Each structure stands twice: as C-alpha cells, then as structure tokens.
Amino acid sequence: MARMSHNVSCFRLSISRQPLVLYTHLHNNPMPEIDNRIRKLWEKILIDKDHHIVVGIADEKIVSSCVLVVIQNLTYGQKPYALIENVITHEDYRNRGYATQVLDFAKDIAIGNECYKIMLLTGSKKENTLAFYENAGYNQKDKTAFIQWLI
C-alpha cells in the first residue's frame, strides 16, 4: 500500500478560527469566542520557540493537529525531551493518514531539537486509538502517568 502524502506542516499561524474549530472535535471542547484573552494566549504560544502546533491540511482547511512542546532537561546528558498532547483529526478525515503524518512531523521536530524521547498523553481508552499510538511507535510500558486536575 502506498503511503499517502498530505500537506502537513508546522508554522506560526495567525489567530484563526480553524484550529479552534478542529478542537471542538476533541472531547466536545466548546468553541471559544475569539476575544482579547484568546488573542493574548495565541500570541504567548506563538512566541514560545519550544511550543509547536503541527497541522495537517486538506481541502484548504486544518483537519488534523497535535501540540508538541520541547522541555529542557538537566538529565540524560542535558538532552531535552518532548511532550505531545491534543492529537486530533476532524471526524470527516479520520483513517486517511493525517494523524500519522502529523505525529511523524512532530517527531522530526523533536529529533531536530535533539530530544532523547517523546511522551504522548491521551485521554482515550479506545482500543483502536491506543493501537494507533502503538503503531506510531509509542508504548504504554515504560512510564506511568498521573494527572492532577487543577480546574
């Protein structure tokens, strides 16, 4: 089977409804109003050189995305590590390879930043989602994650 090639990139998006609309497909996240608070948050993300929003584009819209954050580190030879969160693909574009390419692009960013590992967190318990992450090279055996919700 030939590998599909989609338009996947990481770039500094100006404030846009597109990623926010996509995030409504993530845990039924409500669409926020693009107000001054959202604009300031967006600018804060954009100026952080270690915060990457990777997007997959189809039909001239963002259909898949993940966030990769590079975290500086004092262990492992002072090599940084990366964290991936908010992996999402629009329901109409799932099972077409977008999320795989988004994760591959995020991995390339981590490698380019000399990270020694990537940790991926998911709230999903669905077997097919967990199998997808395992097929993408992630495992559930090396670490145990604990979450403490603050809000």
N, C-alpha and C. Protein backbone atom coordinates (compact mmCIF):
# COMPACT_ATOMS: atom_id res chain seq x y z
N MET A 1 0.85 -1.18 0.00
CA MET A 1 0.00 0.00 0.00
C MET A 1 0.89 1.24 0.00
N ALA A 2 0.65 2.15 -0.89
CA ALA A 2 1.44 3.37 -0.98
C ALA A 2 1.09 4.29 0.19
N ARG A 3 2.09 4.97 0.68
CA ARG A 3 1.89 5.91 1.77
C ARG A 3 1.34 7.21 1.19
N MET A 4 0.25 7.68 1.79
CA MET A 4 -0.35 8.93 1.33
C MET A 4 0.50 10.10 1.79
N SER A 5 0.58 11.09 0.98
CA SER A 5 1.31 12.30 1.34
C SER A 5 0.31 13.45 1.42
N HIS A 6 0.20 14.00 2.60
CA HIS A 6 -0.71 15.11 2.82
C HIS A 6 0.10 16.36 3.11
N ASN A 7 -0.56 17.48 3.07
CA ASN A 7 0.07 18.74 3.42
C ASN A 7 0.12 18.85 4.93
N VAL A 8 1.26 18.52 5.51
CA VAL A 8 1.45 18.58 6.96
C VAL A 8 2.59 19.54 7.23
N SER A 9 2.36 20.44 8.16
CA SER A 9 3.40 21.41 8.45
C SER A 9 3.27 21.96 9.86
N CYS A 10 4.28 22.68 10.23
CA CYS A 10 4.28 23.40 11.49
C CYS A 10 4.68 24.82 11.15
N PHE A 11 3.81 25.73 11.42
CA PHE A 11 4.12 27.11 11.10
C PHE A 11 3.43 28.00 12.11
N ARG A 12 3.82 29.22 12.11
CA ARG A 12 3.28 30.19 13.06
C ARG A 12 1.98 30.75 12.50
N LEU A 13 0.87 30.16 12.90
CA LEU A 13 -0.44 30.60 12.45
C LEU A 13 -0.80 31.92 13.10
N SER A 14 -1.41 32.79 12.34
CA SER A 14 -2.00 33.96 12.97
C SER A 14 -3.31 33.47 13.62
N ILE A 15 -3.88 34.30 14.45
CA ILE A 15 -5.11 33.90 15.12
C ILE A 15 -6.14 33.51 14.07
N SER A 16 -6.72 32.36 14.27
CA SER A 16 -7.61 31.79 13.27
C SER A 16 -8.65 30.93 13.96
N ARG A 17 -9.81 30.87 13.37
CA ARG A 17 -10.86 30.00 13.89
C ARG A 17 -10.58 28.53 13.59
N GLN A 18 -9.79 28.25 12.54
CA GLN A 18 -9.62 26.87 12.08
C GLN A 18 -9.13 25.91 13.15
N PRO A 19 -8.02 26.18 13.85
CA PRO A 19 -7.62 25.21 14.88
C PRO A 19 -8.62 25.14 16.02
N LEU A 20 -9.27 26.25 16.31
CA LEU A 20 -10.25 26.25 17.39
C LEU A 20 -11.48 25.42 17.02
N VAL A 21 -11.88 25.50 15.75
CA VAL A 21 -12.99 24.66 15.27
C VAL A 21 -12.60 23.19 15.34
N LEU A 22 -11.37 22.86 14.92
CA LEU A 22 -10.90 21.48 14.98
C LEU A 22 -10.94 20.97 16.42
N TYR A 23 -10.54 21.80 17.38
CA TYR A 23 -10.51 21.38 18.78
C TYR A 23 -11.90 21.06 19.32
N THR A 24 -12.97 21.51 18.65
CA THR A 24 -14.31 21.12 19.11
C THR A 24 -14.54 19.62 18.92
N HIS A 25 -13.72 18.97 18.10
CA HIS A 25 -13.82 17.52 17.91
C HIS A 25 -13.04 16.76 18.98
N LEU A 26 -12.38 17.47 19.87
CA LEU A 26 -11.59 16.87 20.94
C LEU A 26 -12.38 16.96 22.23
N HIS A 27 -12.93 15.86 22.66
CA HIS A 27 -13.70 15.80 23.91
C HIS A 27 -14.84 16.81 23.96
N ASN A 28 -15.47 17.07 22.82
CA ASN A 28 -16.58 18.02 22.76
C ASN A 28 -16.20 19.37 23.37
N ASN A 29 -14.99 19.79 23.07
CA ASN A 29 -14.48 21.08 23.53
C ASN A 29 -15.32 22.20 22.92
N PRO A 30 -15.83 23.12 23.73
CA PRO A 30 -16.66 24.21 23.16
C PRO A 30 -15.81 25.20 22.37
N MET A 31 -16.42 25.80 21.38
CA MET A 31 -15.76 26.82 20.57
C MET A 31 -15.69 28.12 21.35
N PRO A 32 -14.46 28.60 21.65
CA PRO A 32 -14.38 29.86 22.39
C PRO A 32 -14.59 31.06 21.47
N GLU A 33 -15.02 32.14 22.05
CA GLU A 33 -15.10 33.39 21.31
C GLU A 33 -13.68 33.92 21.14
N ILE A 34 -13.36 34.40 19.96
CA ILE A 34 -12.02 34.96 19.74
C ILE A 34 -12.04 36.39 20.27
N ASP A 35 -11.67 36.49 21.51
CA ASP A 35 -11.66 37.79 22.18
C ASP A 35 -10.22 38.15 22.55
N ASN A 36 -10.03 39.20 23.31
CA ASN A 36 -8.70 39.66 23.68
C ASN A 36 -7.93 38.60 24.47
N ARG A 37 -8.61 37.85 25.33
CA ARG A 37 -7.97 36.79 26.11
C ARG A 37 -7.39 35.71 25.19
N ILE A 38 -8.17 35.30 24.20
CA ILE A 38 -7.71 34.28 23.24
C ILE A 38 -6.56 34.84 22.39
N ARG A 39 -6.66 36.08 21.97
CA ARG A 39 -5.58 36.69 21.18
C ARG A 39 -4.27 36.72 21.97
N LYS A 40 -4.33 37.09 23.25
CA LYS A 40 -3.13 37.13 24.09
C LYS A 40 -2.55 35.74 24.30
N LEU A 41 -3.41 34.77 24.52
CA LEU A 41 -2.96 33.38 24.67
C LEU A 41 -2.27 32.92 23.39
N TRP A 42 -2.88 33.20 22.25
CA TRP A 42 -2.33 32.81 20.95
C TRP A 42 -0.94 33.43 20.76
N GLU A 43 -0.80 34.71 21.07
CA GLU A 43 0.50 35.38 20.94
C GLU A 43 1.54 34.75 21.86
N LYS A 44 1.14 34.39 23.06
CA LYS A 44 2.05 33.75 24.01
C LYS A 44 2.56 32.42 23.45
N ILE A 45 1.66 31.65 22.85
CA ILE A 45 2.06 30.38 22.23
C ILE A 45 3.01 30.64 21.06
N LEU A 46 2.69 31.64 20.25
CA LEU A 46 3.49 31.90 19.05
C LEU A 46 4.92 32.34 19.36
N ILE A 47 5.14 33.03 20.45
CA ILE A 47 6.49 33.50 20.75
C ILE A 47 7.32 32.45 21.48
N ASP A 48 6.70 31.35 21.92
CA ASP A 48 7.42 30.28 22.62
C ASP A 48 8.07 29.36 21.59
N LYS A 49 9.40 29.43 21.47
CA LYS A 49 10.10 28.64 20.45
C LYS A 49 10.01 27.14 20.70
N ASP A 50 9.63 26.73 21.89
CA ASP A 50 9.54 25.32 22.22
C ASP A 50 8.12 24.77 22.12
N HIS A 51 7.17 25.59 21.73
CA HIS A 51 5.76 25.20 21.62
C HIS A 51 5.42 25.12 20.13
N HIS A 52 5.06 23.93 19.67
CA HIS A 52 4.81 23.71 18.24
C HIS A 52 3.40 23.19 18.02
N ILE A 53 2.66 23.84 17.15
CA ILE A 53 1.35 23.34 16.74
C ILE A 53 1.53 22.79 15.33
N VAL A 54 1.42 21.49 15.21
CA VAL A 54 1.60 20.81 13.92
C VAL A 54 0.22 20.58 13.33
N VAL A 55 0.05 20.91 12.06
CA VAL A 55 -1.27 20.79 11.44
C VAL A 55 -1.20 20.01 10.13
N GLY A 56 -2.28 19.29 9.86
CA GLY A 56 -2.48 18.63 8.57
C GLY A 56 -3.60 19.36 7.85
N ILE A 57 -3.39 19.64 6.58
CA ILE A 57 -4.35 20.44 5.81
C ILE A 57 -4.90 19.64 4.66
N ALA A 58 -6.21 19.73 4.48
CA ALA A 58 -6.89 19.14 3.33
C ALA A 58 -8.04 20.06 2.95
N ASP A 59 -8.32 20.13 1.69
CA ASP A 59 -9.41 20.97 1.22
C ASP A 59 -9.31 22.39 1.77
N GLU A 60 -8.07 22.88 1.87
CA GLU A 60 -7.76 24.24 2.32
C GLU A 60 -8.20 24.53 3.76
N LYS A 61 -8.28 23.48 4.59
CA LYS A 61 -8.59 23.70 6.00
C LYS A 61 -7.77 22.75 6.86
N ILE A 62 -7.60 23.13 8.11
CA ILE A 62 -6.87 22.30 9.06
C ILE A 62 -7.77 21.14 9.46
N VAL A 63 -7.31 19.90 9.21
CA VAL A 63 -8.13 18.73 9.50
C VAL A 63 -7.50 17.82 10.56
N SER A 64 -6.24 18.06 10.90
CA SER A 64 -5.56 17.25 11.90
C SER A 64 -4.51 18.10 12.58
N SER A 65 -4.23 17.79 13.84
CA SER A 65 -3.27 18.61 14.56
C SER A 65 -2.76 17.88 15.79
N CYS A 66 -1.61 18.30 16.26
CA CYS A 66 -1.13 17.94 17.59
C CYS A 66 -0.26 19.07 18.09
N VAL A 67 -0.05 19.09 19.38
CA VAL A 67 0.83 20.06 20.01
C VAL A 67 2.05 19.30 20.52
N LEU A 68 3.23 19.81 20.20
CA LEU A 68 4.48 19.25 20.70
C LEU A 68 5.19 20.36 21.46
N VAL A 69 5.58 20.06 22.69
CA VAL A 69 6.34 21.00 23.50
C VAL A 69 7.68 20.37 23.82
N VAL A 70 8.76 21.11 23.55
CA VAL A 70 10.11 20.67 23.88
C VAL A 70 10.43 21.20 25.27
N ILE A 71 10.88 20.30 26.15
CA ILE A 71 11.16 20.65 27.54
C ILE A 71 12.65 20.46 27.81
N GLN A 72 13.29 21.54 28.21
CA GLN A 72 14.70 21.48 28.53
C GLN A 72 14.91 20.62 29.77
N ASN A 73 16.09 20.01 29.91
CA ASN A 73 16.26 18.96 30.89
C ASN A 73 17.69 18.93 31.41
N LEU A 74 17.85 18.61 32.67
CA LEU A 74 19.18 18.52 33.28
C LEU A 74 19.69 17.08 33.41
N THR A 75 18.91 16.09 32.94
CA THR A 75 19.36 14.70 32.98
C THR A 75 19.59 14.22 31.54
N TYR A 76 19.95 12.95 31.40
CA TYR A 76 20.21 12.35 30.07
C TYR A 76 21.15 13.21 29.24
N GLY A 77 22.27 13.59 29.83
CA GLY A 77 23.24 14.39 29.10
C GLY A 77 22.72 15.77 28.74
N GLN A 78 21.80 16.26 29.54
CA GLN A 78 21.17 17.57 29.34
C GLN A 78 20.43 17.66 28.01
N LYS A 79 19.95 16.52 27.55
CA LYS A 79 19.14 16.47 26.33
C LYS A 79 17.68 16.77 26.70
N PRO A 80 17.01 17.56 25.88
CA PRO A 80 15.59 17.84 26.15
C PRO A 80 14.73 16.63 25.81
N TYR A 81 13.50 16.67 26.26
CA TYR A 81 12.50 15.69 25.85
C TYR A 81 11.29 16.45 25.34
N ALA A 82 10.37 15.74 24.72
CA ALA A 82 9.19 16.39 24.14
C ALA A 82 7.93 15.73 24.67
N LEU A 83 6.88 16.51 24.69
CA LEU A 83 5.56 16.05 25.12
C LEU A 83 4.57 16.36 24.01
N ILE A 84 3.78 15.37 23.65
CA ILE A 84 2.72 15.55 22.65
C ILE A 84 1.37 15.44 23.35
N GLU A 85 0.50 16.37 23.05
CA GLU A 85 -0.87 16.40 23.57
C GLU A 85 -1.79 16.89 22.46
N ASN A 86 -3.07 16.83 22.73
CA ASN A 86 -4.10 17.38 21.85
C ASN A 86 -4.00 16.87 20.42
N VAL A 87 -3.83 15.56 20.28
CA VAL A 87 -3.84 14.94 18.95
C VAL A 87 -5.30 14.83 18.52
N ILE A 88 -5.60 15.41 17.38
CA ILE A 88 -7.00 15.41 16.93
C ILE A 88 -7.05 15.41 15.40
N THR A 89 -8.01 14.67 14.88
CA THR A 89 -8.32 14.72 13.45
C THR A 89 -9.83 14.91 13.32
N HIS A 90 -10.22 15.80 12.44
CA HIS A 90 -11.63 16.06 12.18
C HIS A 90 -12.30 14.72 11.83
N GLU A 91 -13.47 14.51 12.36
CA GLU A 91 -14.17 13.23 12.17
C GLU A 91 -14.31 12.85 10.70
N ASP A 92 -14.50 13.82 9.82
CA ASP A 92 -14.69 13.54 8.39
C ASP A 92 -13.39 13.13 7.69
N TYR A 93 -12.24 13.26 8.36
CA TYR A 93 -10.95 13.00 7.73
C TYR A 93 -10.17 11.89 8.44
N ARG A 94 -10.81 11.17 9.33
CA ARG A 94 -10.11 10.12 10.06
C ARG A 94 -9.85 8.90 9.18
N ASN A 95 -8.83 8.14 9.58
CA ASN A 95 -8.41 6.91 8.88
C ASN A 95 -7.91 7.18 7.47
N ARG A 96 -7.32 8.35 7.26
CA ARG A 96 -6.75 8.69 5.96
C ARG A 96 -5.25 8.98 6.05
N GLY A 97 -4.66 8.82 7.23
CA GLY A 97 -3.22 9.03 7.38
C GLY A 97 -2.80 10.40 7.87
N TYR A 98 -3.75 11.29 8.11
CA TYR A 98 -3.38 12.64 8.55
C TYR A 98 -2.70 12.62 9.92
N ALA A 99 -3.28 11.94 10.88
CA ALA A 99 -2.71 11.93 12.23
C ALA A 99 -1.33 11.27 12.23
N THR A 100 -1.15 10.24 11.43
CA THR A 100 0.16 9.60 11.34
C THR A 100 1.20 10.60 10.84
N GLN A 101 0.87 11.33 9.80
CA GLN A 101 1.83 12.30 9.27
C GLN A 101 2.05 13.47 10.23
N VAL A 102 1.03 13.88 10.95
CA VAL A 102 1.18 14.94 11.94
C VAL A 102 2.13 14.47 13.04
N LEU A 103 1.95 13.24 13.51
CA LEU A 103 2.85 12.71 14.55
C LEU A 103 4.27 12.53 14.01
N ASP A 104 4.41 12.10 12.77
CA ASP A 104 5.74 11.96 12.17
C ASP A 104 6.43 13.32 12.07
N PHE A 105 5.69 14.34 11.72
CA PHE A 105 6.26 15.68 11.62
C PHE A 105 6.69 16.17 13.01
N ALA A 106 5.85 15.91 14.01
CA ALA A 106 6.19 16.28 15.39
C ALA A 106 7.46 15.55 15.83
N LYS A 107 7.58 14.28 15.46
CA LYS A 107 8.79 13.52 15.78
C LYS A 107 10.02 14.15 15.14
N ASP A 108 9.89 14.60 13.90
CA ASP A 108 11.01 15.26 13.23
C ASP A 108 11.42 16.53 13.98
N ILE A 109 10.46 17.27 14.50
CA ILE A 109 10.78 18.47 15.29
C ILE A 109 11.56 18.07 16.54
N ALA A 110 11.09 17.01 17.21
CA ALA A 110 11.77 16.54 18.42
C ALA A 110 13.21 16.11 18.10
N ILE A 111 13.38 15.38 17.03
CA ILE A 111 14.72 14.96 16.62
C ILE A 111 15.58 16.18 16.30
N GLY A 112 15.02 17.15 15.60
CA GLY A 112 15.75 18.36 15.26
C GLY A 112 16.17 19.17 16.49
N ASN A 113 15.44 18.99 17.58
CA ASN A 113 15.77 19.66 18.84
C ASN A 113 16.61 18.78 19.76
N GLU A 114 17.08 17.66 19.21
CA GLU A 114 17.92 16.70 19.92
C GLU A 114 17.26 16.13 21.17
N CYS A 115 15.95 15.95 21.12
CA CYS A 115 15.23 15.33 22.23
C CYS A 115 15.61 13.85 22.31
N TYR A 116 15.68 13.33 23.53
CA TYR A 116 16.01 11.91 23.67
C TYR A 116 14.76 11.04 23.74
N LYS A 117 13.60 11.64 23.96
CA LYS A 117 12.35 10.87 23.96
C LYS A 117 11.18 11.81 23.71
N ILE A 118 10.07 11.20 23.33
CA ILE A 118 8.79 11.91 23.22
C ILE A 118 7.80 11.16 24.10
N MET A 119 7.09 11.88 24.91
CA MET A 119 5.99 11.29 25.68
C MET A 119 4.69 11.81 25.09
N LEU A 120 3.75 10.92 24.90
CA LEU A 120 2.45 11.27 24.35
C LEU A 120 1.39 10.93 25.37
N LEU A 121 0.55 11.87 25.67
CA LEU A 121 -0.56 11.63 26.58
C LEU A 121 -1.86 11.62 25.80
N THR A 122 -2.73 10.70 26.14
CA THR A 122 -4.07 10.65 25.56
C THR A 122 -5.07 10.36 26.66
N GLY A 123 -6.23 10.96 26.53
CA GLY A 123 -7.32 10.66 27.45
C GLY A 123 -8.18 9.52 26.95
N SER A 124 -7.90 9.05 25.75
CA SER A 124 -8.71 8.00 25.15
C SER A 124 -8.40 6.64 25.77
N LYS A 125 -9.44 5.87 25.96
CA LYS A 125 -9.29 4.48 26.40
C LYS A 125 -9.70 3.51 25.29
N LYS A 126 -10.04 4.07 24.11
CA LYS A 126 -10.48 3.24 22.99
C LYS A 126 -9.33 2.38 22.48
N GLU A 127 -9.59 1.11 22.30
CA GLU A 127 -8.56 0.18 21.85
C GLU A 127 -7.96 0.59 20.50
N ASN A 128 -8.82 1.04 19.56
CA ASN A 128 -8.29 1.41 18.25
C ASN A 128 -7.39 2.65 18.33
N THR A 129 -7.69 3.58 19.23
CA THR A 129 -6.85 4.76 19.42
C THR A 129 -5.51 4.36 20.03
N LEU A 130 -5.56 3.52 21.06
CA LEU A 130 -4.33 3.07 21.71
C LEU A 130 -3.47 2.25 20.74
N ALA A 131 -4.11 1.42 19.93
CA ALA A 131 -3.37 0.65 18.92
C ALA A 131 -2.74 1.58 17.88
N PHE A 132 -3.45 2.64 17.52
CA PHE A 132 -2.89 3.62 16.59
C PHE A 132 -1.59 4.21 17.14
N TYR A 133 -1.60 4.62 18.42
CA TYR A 133 -0.40 5.19 19.02
C TYR A 133 0.72 4.16 19.11
N GLU A 134 0.39 2.92 19.43
CA GLU A 134 1.42 1.88 19.46
C GLU A 134 2.01 1.66 18.07
N ASN A 135 1.17 1.66 17.04
CA ASN A 135 1.66 1.51 15.66
C ASN A 135 2.52 2.69 15.23
N ALA A 136 2.30 3.83 15.88
CA ALA A 136 3.10 5.03 15.57
C ALA A 136 4.42 5.03 16.35
N GLY A 137 4.65 4.00 17.17
CA GLY A 137 5.93 3.87 17.86
C GLY A 137 5.92 4.18 19.35
N TYR A 138 4.78 4.47 19.90
CA TYR A 138 4.67 4.79 21.33
C TYR A 138 4.28 3.53 22.10
N ASN A 139 4.64 3.47 23.38
CA ASN A 139 4.26 2.31 24.18
C ASN A 139 3.70 2.76 25.52
N GLN A 140 3.00 1.86 26.18
CA GLN A 140 2.38 2.13 27.47
C GLN A 140 3.16 1.48 28.62
N LYS A 141 4.31 0.91 28.32
CA LYS A 141 5.02 0.10 29.30
C LYS A 141 6.12 0.84 30.08
N ASP A 142 6.75 1.83 29.45
CA ASP A 142 7.94 2.44 30.05
C ASP A 142 7.67 3.39 31.20
N LYS A 143 6.56 4.07 31.18
CA LYS A 143 6.25 5.08 32.20
C LYS A 143 4.80 4.93 32.65
N THR A 144 4.53 5.48 33.81
CA THR A 144 3.15 5.57 34.30
C THR A 144 2.84 7.05 34.48
N ALA A 145 1.76 7.49 33.90
CA ALA A 145 1.38 8.90 34.01
C ALA A 145 0.34 9.07 35.09
N PHE A 146 0.48 10.13 35.84
CA PHE A 146 -0.51 10.53 36.84
C PHE A 146 -0.93 11.95 36.51
N ILE A 147 -2.19 12.21 36.57
CA ILE A 147 -2.73 13.53 36.27
C ILE A 147 -3.40 14.08 37.51
N GLN A 148 -3.12 15.31 37.83
CA GLN A 148 -3.83 16.01 38.90
C GLN A 148 -4.52 17.21 38.25
N TRP A 149 -5.83 17.15 38.17
CA TRP A 149 -6.61 18.24 37.56
C TRP A 149 -6.66 19.42 38.52
N LEU A 150 -6.42 20.60 37.98
CA LEU A 150 -6.40 21.81 38.80
C LEU A 150 -7.64 22.67 38.62
N ILE A 151 -8.45 22.36 37.63
CA ILE A 151 -9.72 23.07 37.46
C ILE A 151 -10.82 22.09 37.17
